[in-house]
């Protein structure tokens, strides 16, 4: 039995938050670039910023809040015996839904916009056709695993932390000196 706290899911979720923030900023600049090139530079900048700030930033703040709550839940159970493969499935589903699928979709969209290829059999259209099924299926499976991890961790007791005997004796000796 390993007595070290299991903090890997916490760090993975924090990494996903950071990647999501960077991706959202990159996506915003890419859309500004495409929009300004597409319209000859005379797009309504205020309208775009309202659209971007209103929806993307609210969406990003919601995602960050929910991921931080999940990281906090993993932090709370870090000393308990948890089902690590299920935690890994949960983290992988979050990575797939929040990072990998949006990056692939954006790259396909930018590639189509740059090269002017808009045909029904295009890879971006095929990707968009299945994207929602993949995303929702992955989220459902990942969060079922997350709930199972929380339930099994709640049923187990906290792992004892290995403290060397010399440190235990030193703590008591501090009090005995003051008497």
Protein backbone atom coordinates (compact mmCIF):
# COMPACT_ATOMS: atom_id res chain seq x y z
CA UNK A 1 0.00 0.00 0.00
CA UNK A 2 1.40 3.35 -1.05
CA UNK A 3 1.04 5.98 1.66
CA UNK A 4 1.87 8.96 -0.52
CA UNK A 5 -1.00 11.32 -1.27
CA UNK A 6 -2.35 10.89 -4.80
CA UNK A 7 -2.32 14.40 -6.27
CA UNK A 8 -1.97 13.53 -9.98
CA UNK A 9 -5.62 14.31 -10.87
CA UNK A 10 -5.35 17.71 -9.19
CA UNK A 11 -2.29 18.70 -11.21
CA UNK A 12 -3.80 17.29 -14.42
CA UNK A 13 -6.98 19.31 -13.95
CA UNK A 14 -4.97 22.47 -13.24
CA UNK A 15 -2.98 21.81 -16.44
CA UNK A 16 -6.23 21.42 -18.39
CA UNK A 17 -7.42 24.76 -16.98
CA UNK A 18 -4.20 26.44 -18.12
CA UNK A 19 -4.37 24.85 -21.57
CA UNK A 20 -8.03 25.86 -21.93
CA UNK A 21 -7.19 29.49 -21.08
CA UNK A 22 -4.33 29.56 -23.60
CA UNK A 23 -6.50 27.88 -26.24
CA UNK A 24 -9.34 30.38 -25.72
CA UNK A 25 -6.93 33.29 -26.16
CA UNK A 26 -5.43 31.66 -29.27
CA UNK A 27 -8.91 30.96 -30.64
CA UNK A 28 -9.91 34.61 -30.11
CA UNK A 29 -6.87 35.93 -31.94
CA UNK A 30 -7.39 33.42 -34.77
CA UNK A 31 -11.01 34.46 -35.19
CA UNK A 32 -10.04 38.14 -35.18
CA UNK A 33 -7.42 37.42 -37.83
CA UNK A 34 -9.80 35.41 -40.01
CA UNK A 35 -12.63 37.88 -39.58
CA UNK A 36 -10.46 40.89 -40.45
CA UNK A 37 -8.96 39.12 -43.49
CA UNK A 38 -12.37 37.89 -44.66
CA UNK A 39 -14.10 41.26 -44.50
CA UNK A 40 -11.24 43.30 -45.89
CA UNK A 41 -10.45 44.79 -42.50
CA UNK A 42 -13.74 46.66 -42.03
CA UNK A 43 -15.48 44.41 -39.53
CA UNK A 44 -17.37 45.73 -36.57
CA UNK A 45 -14.78 45.31 -33.85
CA UNK A 46 -17.15 46.25 -31.05
CA UNK A 47 -19.69 43.63 -32.17
CA UNK A 48 -17.01 40.96 -32.23
CA UNK A 49 -15.67 41.81 -28.79
CA UNK A 50 -19.18 41.76 -27.36
CA UNK A 51 -19.78 38.35 -28.89
CA UNK A 52 -16.39 37.03 -27.83
CA UNK A 53 -16.40 38.49 -24.34
CA UNK A 54 -20.00 37.67 -23.64
CA UNK A 55 -19.98 34.00 -24.62
CA UNK A 56 -16.39 32.83 -24.58
CA UNK A 57 -15.43 34.43 -21.30
CA UNK A 58 -18.63 33.33 -19.54
CA UNK A 59 -18.08 29.83 -20.91
CA UNK A 60 -14.42 29.88 -19.87
CA UNK A 61 -15.27 31.12 -16.37
CA UNK A 62 -17.88 28.38 -15.97
CA UNK A 63 -15.45 25.70 -17.14
CA UNK A 64 -12.72 26.99 -14.80
CA UNK A 65 -15.14 27.04 -11.87
CA UNK A 66 -16.35 23.47 -12.51
CA UNK A 67 -12.82 22.14 -13.05
CA UNK A 68 -11.60 23.88 -9.92
CA UNK A 69 -14.44 22.22 -7.98
CA UNK A 70 -13.38 18.83 -9.38
CA UNK A 71 -9.73 19.53 -8.52
CA UNK A 72 -10.82 20.47 -5.00
CA UNK A 73 -12.76 17.19 -4.73
CA UNK A 74 -9.66 15.25 -5.79
CA UNK A 75 -7.57 17.30 -3.31
CA UNK A 76 -9.94 16.36 -0.50
CA UNK A 77 -9.59 12.62 -1.21
CA UNK A 78 -5.85 12.61 -1.95
CA UNK A 79 -5.05 10.57 1.20
CA UNK A 80 -7.78 8.01 0.61
CA UNK A 81 -7.60 4.83 -1.40
CA UNK A 82 -9.13 5.66 -4.79
CA UNK A 83 -9.59 3.77 -8.02
CA UNK A 84 -6.79 5.33 -10.05
CA UNK A 85 -7.79 3.91 -13.47
CA UNK A 86 -11.21 5.53 -13.10
CA UNK A 87 -9.58 8.83 -12.15
CA UNK A 88 -7.41 8.55 -15.26
CA UNK A 89 -10.49 7.91 -17.44
CA UNK A 90 -12.13 11.00 -15.95
CA UNK A 91 -9.07 13.17 -16.63
CA UNK A 92 -8.68 11.75 -20.16
CA UNK A 93 -12.32 12.53 -20.94
CA UNK A 94 -11.85 16.10 -19.70
CA UNK A 95 -8.74 16.47 -21.86
CA UNK A 96 -10.57 15.07 -24.89
CA UNK A 97 -13.63 17.30 -24.46
CA UNK A 98 -11.97 20.53 -23.34
CA UNK A 99 -8.68 20.48 -25.24
CA UNK A 100 -8.32 17.93 -28.00
CA UNK A 101 -11.69 18.20 -29.77
CA UNK A 102 -11.76 22.04 -29.78
CA UNK A 103 -8.17 22.19 -31.06
CA UNK A 104 -8.89 19.72 -33.87
CA UNK A 105 -12.11 21.55 -34.79
CA UNK A 106 -10.38 24.93 -34.81
CA UNK A 107 -7.46 23.66 -36.87
CA UNK A 108 -9.85 22.15 -39.42
CA UNK A 109 -11.89 25.36 -39.56
CA UNK A 110 -8.82 27.57 -39.92
CA UNK A 111 -7.42 25.23 -42.56
CA UNK A 112 -10.66 25.39 -44.53
CA UNK A 113 -10.87 29.18 -44.22
CA UNK A 114 -7.25 29.66 -45.30
CA UNK A 115 -7.44 27.35 -48.29
CA UNK A 116 -11.05 28.06 -49.25
CA UNK A 117 -12.19 24.44 -49.29
CA UNK A 118 -15.88 24.22 -48.34
CA UNK A 119 -17.25 21.00 -49.73
CA UNK A 120 -19.80 18.74 -48.01
CA UNK A 121 -17.38 15.82 -47.88
CA UNK A 122 -14.75 17.88 -46.14
CA UNK A 123 -13.01 16.63 -42.98
CA UNK A 124 -14.31 19.57 -40.92
CA UNK A 125 -17.91 18.76 -41.86
CA UNK A 126 -17.42 15.10 -40.99
CA UNK A 127 -15.74 16.07 -37.74
CA UNK A 128 -18.58 18.45 -36.82
CA UNK A 129 -21.09 15.71 -37.54
CA UNK A 130 -19.69 13.41 -34.86
CA UNK A 131 -18.21 15.96 -32.47
CA UNK A 132 -21.28 16.35 -30.27
CA UNK A 133 -21.73 12.59 -29.84
CA UNK A 134 -18.06 12.16 -28.92
CA UNK A 135 -18.09 15.10 -26.52
CA UNK A 136 -21.27 14.20 -24.66
CA UNK A 137 -20.46 10.49 -24.55
CA UNK A 138 -17.01 11.23 -23.19
CA UNK A 139 -18.35 13.66 -20.58
CA UNK A 140 -20.96 11.18 -19.39
CA UNK A 141 -18.50 8.27 -19.15
CA UNK A 142 -15.83 10.45 -17.50
CA UNK A 143 -18.17 11.84 -14.89
CA UNK A 144 -19.64 8.44 -14.11
CA UNK A 145 -16.05 7.40 -13.35
CA UNK A 146 -15.60 10.56 -11.25
CA UNK A 147 -18.70 9.78 -9.18
CA UNK A 148 -17.53 6.18 -8.66
CA UNK A 149 -14.10 7.49 -7.54
CA UNK A 150 -15.77 9.85 -5.05
CA UNK A 151 -18.10 7.16 -3.71
CA UNK A 152 -15.34 4.57 -3.25
CA UNK A 153 -13.03 7.15 -1.68
CA UNK A 154 -15.77 8.16 0.73
CA UNK A 155 -16.19 4.53 1.82
CA UNK A 156 -12.49 4.10 2.61
CA UNK A 157 -10.62 5.60 5.51
CA UNK A 158 -7.82 8.08 5.11
CA UNK A 159 -4.40 6.53 4.69
CA UNK A 160 -2.08 7.01 7.65
CA UNK A 161 0.88 9.24 6.92
CA UNK A 162 4.24 7.67 7.63
CA UNK A 163 6.02 9.84 10.18
CA UNK A 164 9.38 8.60 11.44
CA UNK A 165 9.47 7.74 15.14
CA UNK A 166 12.17 10.34 15.79
CA UNK A 167 9.86 13.15 14.61
CA UNK A 168 7.04 11.93 16.83
CA UNK A 169 9.35 12.00 19.86
CA UNK A 170 10.57 15.52 18.99
CA UNK A 171 7.04 16.91 18.95
CA UNK A 172 6.41 15.68 22.50
CA UNK A 173 9.81 16.85 23.70
CA UNK A 174 8.96 20.45 22.81
CA UNK A 175 6.17 20.39 25.37
CA UNK A 176 8.22 18.67 28.04
CA UNK A 177 10.94 21.34 27.91
CA UNK A 178 8.51 24.13 28.69
CA UNK A 179 7.29 22.48 31.90
